[in-house]
Amino acid sequence: MEQSDSISRFSFDALGHASLSGTITGIGLDIPIGLRFSPWGELFVANEETSAVSRWTFDVSHNAIANGSLRRRQAVSTGWSSLLRPR
């Protein structure tokens, strides 16, 4: 299996059909293995290689903007450690 340092983005039409609408790449992504959205819309991405959680926000045009990262110790203390466990 090929490993990647990106996240595929999809859009859904009114019938629920998905189509690829781009990728998220950049700072902190290192073999992403899990993701969660916060209630306020921030994307948290667990990275296998670094055991860090990358943070992403989105502008009004839905462009992803890197918003820092949490290292394993920070992720555990803030409750995001479940992202670092494979499912």
N, C-alpha and C. Protein backbone atom coordinates (compact mmCIF):
# COMPACT_ATOMS: atom_id res chain seq x y z
N MET A 1 0.84 -1.17 0.00
CA MET A 1 0.00 0.00 0.00
C MET A 1 0.88 1.24 0.00
N GLU A 2 0.57 2.17 -0.85
CA GLU A 2 1.32 3.42 -0.94
C GLU A 2 0.96 4.33 0.23
N GLN A 3 1.98 4.93 0.84
CA GLN A 3 1.75 5.87 1.93
C GLN A 3 1.75 7.28 1.37
N SER A 4 0.96 8.14 1.99
CA SER A 4 0.79 9.48 1.47
C SER A 4 0.90 10.51 2.58
N ASP A 5 1.25 11.71 2.21
CA ASP A 5 1.29 12.83 3.13
C ASP A 5 0.24 13.85 2.73
N SER A 6 -0.94 13.35 2.33
CA SER A 6 -2.03 14.23 1.93
C SER A 6 -3.36 13.62 2.34
N ILE A 7 -4.39 14.44 2.29
CA ILE A 7 -5.75 14.02 2.60
C ILE A 7 -6.62 14.36 1.39
N SER A 8 -7.36 13.40 0.90
CA SER A 8 -8.27 13.65 -0.22
C SER A 8 -9.53 14.34 0.29
N ARG A 9 -10.02 15.31 -0.49
CA ARG A 9 -11.25 16.02 -0.16
C ARG A 9 -12.33 15.62 -1.16
N PHE A 10 -13.56 15.50 -0.68
CA PHE A 10 -14.67 15.12 -1.54
C PHE A 10 -15.83 16.09 -1.34
N SER A 11 -16.58 16.31 -2.41
CA SER A 11 -17.83 17.07 -2.37
C SER A 11 -18.97 16.09 -2.63
N PHE A 12 -20.13 16.40 -2.09
CA PHE A 12 -21.29 15.54 -2.28
C PHE A 12 -22.39 16.32 -2.98
N ASP A 13 -23.02 15.69 -3.97
CA ASP A 13 -24.14 16.35 -4.65
C ASP A 13 -25.43 16.11 -3.86
N ALA A 14 -26.53 16.61 -4.36
CA ALA A 14 -27.82 16.51 -3.67
C ALA A 14 -28.27 15.07 -3.45
N LEU A 15 -27.79 14.15 -4.27
CA LEU A 15 -28.16 12.74 -4.13
C LEU A 15 -27.19 11.97 -3.24
N GLY A 16 -26.16 12.66 -2.74
CA GLY A 16 -25.19 12.01 -1.87
C GLY A 16 -24.03 11.35 -2.58
N HIS A 17 -23.88 11.59 -3.88
CA HIS A 17 -22.76 11.02 -4.63
C HIS A 17 -21.51 11.86 -4.38
N ALA A 18 -20.42 11.20 -4.07
CA ALA A 18 -19.16 11.88 -3.78
C ALA A 18 -18.33 12.06 -5.04
N SER A 19 -17.62 13.19 -5.11
CA SER A 19 -16.64 13.40 -6.18
C SER A 19 -15.42 14.10 -5.58
N LEU A 20 -14.25 13.69 -6.05
CA LEU A 20 -13.00 14.25 -5.55
C LEU A 20 -12.96 15.75 -5.83
N SER A 21 -12.65 16.54 -4.81
CA SER A 21 -12.63 17.99 -5.00
C SER A 21 -11.31 18.62 -4.56
N GLY A 22 -10.26 17.81 -4.44
CA GLY A 22 -8.95 18.36 -4.11
C GLY A 22 -8.26 17.56 -3.02
N THR A 23 -7.11 18.09 -2.59
CA THR A 23 -6.35 17.45 -1.52
C THR A 23 -5.87 18.50 -0.54
N ILE A 24 -5.61 18.06 0.67
CA ILE A 24 -4.97 18.89 1.69
C ILE A 24 -3.56 18.35 1.85
N THR A 25 -2.58 19.22 1.72
CA THR A 25 -1.18 18.83 1.88
C THR A 25 -0.49 19.90 2.72
N GLY A 26 0.68 19.58 3.19
CA GLY A 26 1.47 20.63 3.82
C GLY A 26 1.93 20.30 5.21
N ILE A 27 2.15 21.36 5.94
CA ILE A 27 2.78 21.34 7.24
C ILE A 27 2.20 20.26 8.15
N GLY A 28 3.06 19.38 8.62
CA GLY A 28 2.67 18.43 9.65
C GLY A 28 2.07 17.12 9.18
N LEU A 29 1.60 17.02 7.94
CA LEU A 29 1.02 15.76 7.50
C LEU A 29 2.12 14.76 7.21
N ASP A 30 2.09 13.63 7.93
CA ASP A 30 3.12 12.62 7.79
C ASP A 30 2.47 11.25 8.00
N ILE A 31 1.95 10.69 6.93
CA ILE A 31 1.19 9.44 6.92
C ILE A 31 -0.05 9.59 7.82
N PRO A 32 -1.02 10.41 7.39
CA PRO A 32 -2.23 10.60 8.17
C PRO A 32 -3.02 9.30 8.31
N ILE A 33 -3.46 8.99 9.55
CA ILE A 33 -4.15 7.73 9.80
C ILE A 33 -5.54 7.90 10.41
N GLY A 34 -5.93 9.10 10.76
CA GLY A 34 -7.25 9.30 11.35
C GLY A 34 -7.57 10.78 11.37
N LEU A 35 -8.86 11.09 11.37
CA LEU A 35 -9.23 12.50 11.45
C LEU A 35 -10.56 12.66 12.18
N ARG A 36 -10.74 13.84 12.75
CA ARG A 36 -11.96 14.23 13.44
C ARG A 36 -12.18 15.72 13.23
N PHE A 37 -13.43 16.12 13.20
CA PHE A 37 -13.78 17.53 13.18
C PHE A 37 -14.26 17.94 14.56
N SER A 38 -13.86 19.11 14.99
CA SER A 38 -14.37 19.66 16.25
C SER A 38 -15.77 20.22 16.01
N PRO A 39 -16.51 20.51 17.06
CA PRO A 39 -17.83 21.12 16.88
C PRO A 39 -17.77 22.47 16.16
N TRP A 40 -16.64 23.17 16.23
CA TRP A 40 -16.49 24.48 15.60
C TRP A 40 -15.90 24.38 14.19
N GLY A 41 -15.67 23.14 13.68
CA GLY A 41 -15.26 22.94 12.31
C GLY A 41 -13.77 22.80 12.07
N GLU A 42 -12.97 22.79 13.11
CA GLU A 42 -11.53 22.59 12.94
C GLU A 42 -11.26 21.11 12.68
N LEU A 43 -10.37 20.82 11.75
CA LEU A 43 -10.00 19.45 11.40
C LEU A 43 -8.75 19.06 12.17
N PHE A 44 -8.79 17.91 12.83
CA PHE A 44 -7.65 17.35 13.55
C PHE A 44 -7.26 16.06 12.84
N VAL A 45 -5.98 15.92 12.48
CA VAL A 45 -5.50 14.77 11.72
C VAL A 45 -4.37 14.08 12.47
N ALA A 46 -4.56 12.80 12.79
CA ALA A 46 -3.51 12.01 13.45
C ALA A 46 -2.51 11.56 12.39
N ASN A 47 -1.22 11.68 12.73
CA ASN A 47 -0.13 11.31 11.82
C ASN A 47 0.64 10.14 12.40
N GLU A 48 0.72 9.06 11.64
CA GLU A 48 1.37 7.84 12.12
C GLU A 48 2.87 8.04 12.36
N GLU A 49 3.55 8.64 11.43
CA GLU A 49 5.01 8.72 11.49
C GLU A 49 5.51 9.59 12.65
N THR A 50 4.81 10.68 12.94
CA THR A 50 5.28 11.61 13.98
C THR A 50 4.51 11.52 15.29
N SER A 51 3.44 10.74 15.31
CA SER A 51 2.56 10.67 16.49
C SER A 51 2.07 12.05 16.91
N ALA A 52 1.86 12.91 15.94
CA ALA A 52 1.35 14.26 16.20
C ALA A 52 -0.04 14.40 15.59
N VAL A 53 -0.77 15.41 16.06
CA VAL A 53 -2.08 15.73 15.51
C VAL A 53 -1.98 17.08 14.83
N SER A 54 -2.17 17.10 13.51
CA SER A 54 -2.16 18.35 12.75
C SER A 54 -3.52 19.00 12.84
N ARG A 55 -3.52 20.33 12.90
CA ARG A 55 -4.77 21.09 13.02
C ARG A 55 -4.98 21.93 11.76
N TRP A 56 -6.23 21.96 11.27
CA TRP A 56 -6.57 22.70 10.06
C TRP A 56 -7.88 23.45 10.28
N THR A 57 -7.92 24.69 9.83
CA THR A 57 -9.16 25.45 9.79
C THR A 57 -9.49 25.70 8.32
N PHE A 58 -10.64 26.31 8.06
CA PHE A 58 -11.08 26.54 6.69
C PHE A 58 -11.57 27.97 6.55
N ASP A 59 -11.18 28.62 5.45
CA ASP A 59 -11.63 30.00 5.22
C ASP A 59 -13.03 29.97 4.59
N VAL A 60 -13.57 31.14 4.26
CA VAL A 60 -14.93 31.22 3.74
C VAL A 60 -15.08 30.53 2.38
N SER A 61 -13.97 30.32 1.67
CA SER A 61 -14.00 29.61 0.39
C SER A 61 -13.70 28.12 0.57
N HIS A 62 -13.63 27.67 1.82
CA HIS A 62 -13.38 26.26 2.17
C HIS A 62 -11.96 25.80 1.88
N ASN A 63 -11.01 26.74 1.78
CA ASN A 63 -9.61 26.39 1.63
C ASN A 63 -9.05 26.00 2.99
N ALA A 64 -8.28 24.91 3.03
CA ALA A 64 -7.68 24.45 4.28
C ALA A 64 -6.49 25.33 4.64
N ILE A 65 -6.42 25.70 5.92
CA ILE A 65 -5.33 26.54 6.42
C ILE A 65 -4.70 25.81 7.61
N ALA A 66 -3.40 25.53 7.52
CA ALA A 66 -2.70 24.87 8.62
C ALA A 66 -2.81 25.72 9.88
N ASN A 67 -3.11 25.07 11.00
CA ASN A 67 -3.32 25.78 12.26
C ASN A 67 -2.48 25.18 13.38
N GLY A 68 -1.28 24.71 13.03
CA GLY A 68 -0.38 24.16 14.04
C GLY A 68 -0.58 22.68 14.24
N SER A 69 0.03 22.16 15.28
CA SER A 69 -0.09 20.74 15.59
C SER A 69 0.08 20.51 17.08
N LEU A 70 -0.37 19.35 17.51
CA LEU A 70 -0.21 18.91 18.89
C LEU A 70 0.71 17.70 18.87
N ARG A 71 1.71 17.71 19.69
CA ARG A 71 2.56 16.53 19.82
C ARG A 71 1.86 15.55 20.73
N ARG A 72 2.32 14.32 20.78
CA ARG A 72 1.63 13.26 21.52
C ARG A 72 1.27 13.70 22.94
N ARG A 73 2.18 14.27 23.67
CA ARG A 73 1.91 14.69 25.05
C ARG A 73 0.79 15.72 25.09
N GLN A 74 0.80 16.70 24.18
CA GLN A 74 -0.25 17.70 24.13
C GLN A 74 -1.59 17.07 23.75
N ALA A 75 -1.57 16.13 22.82
CA ALA A 75 -2.81 15.49 22.38
C ALA A 75 -3.45 14.72 23.53
N VAL A 76 -2.64 14.05 24.33
CA VAL A 76 -3.17 13.30 25.47
C VAL A 76 -3.79 14.25 26.49
N SER A 77 -3.11 15.35 26.79
CA SER A 77 -3.61 16.27 27.82
C SER A 77 -4.83 17.05 27.36
N THR A 78 -5.06 17.15 26.06
CA THR A 78 -6.23 17.89 25.57
C THR A 78 -7.37 16.98 25.14
N GLY A 79 -7.21 15.67 25.31
CA GLY A 79 -8.28 14.74 24.99
C GLY A 79 -8.32 14.26 23.56
N TRP A 80 -7.36 14.64 22.73
CA TRP A 80 -7.36 14.22 21.33
C TRP A 80 -6.51 12.98 21.11
N SER A 81 -6.08 12.32 22.19
CA SER A 81 -5.22 11.15 22.04
C SER A 81 -5.90 10.00 21.33
N SER A 82 -7.23 9.93 21.35
CA SER A 82 -7.92 8.84 20.66
C SER A 82 -7.62 8.86 19.17
N LEU A 83 -7.24 9.99 18.62
CA LEU A 83 -6.87 10.05 17.20
C LEU A 83 -5.60 9.27 16.92
N LEU A 84 -4.76 9.13 17.93
CA LEU A 84 -3.46 8.51 17.72
C LEU A 84 -3.53 6.98 17.84
N ARG A 85 -4.69 6.44 18.20
CA ARG A 85 -4.85 5.00 18.29
C ARG A 85 -5.48 4.49 17.00
N PRO A 86 -4.84 3.52 16.34
CA PRO A 86 -5.43 2.94 15.13
C PRO A 86 -6.76 2.27 15.46
N ARG A 87 -7.67 2.28 14.50
CA ARG A 87 -8.98 1.62 14.69
C ARG A 87 -9.04 0.35 13.92
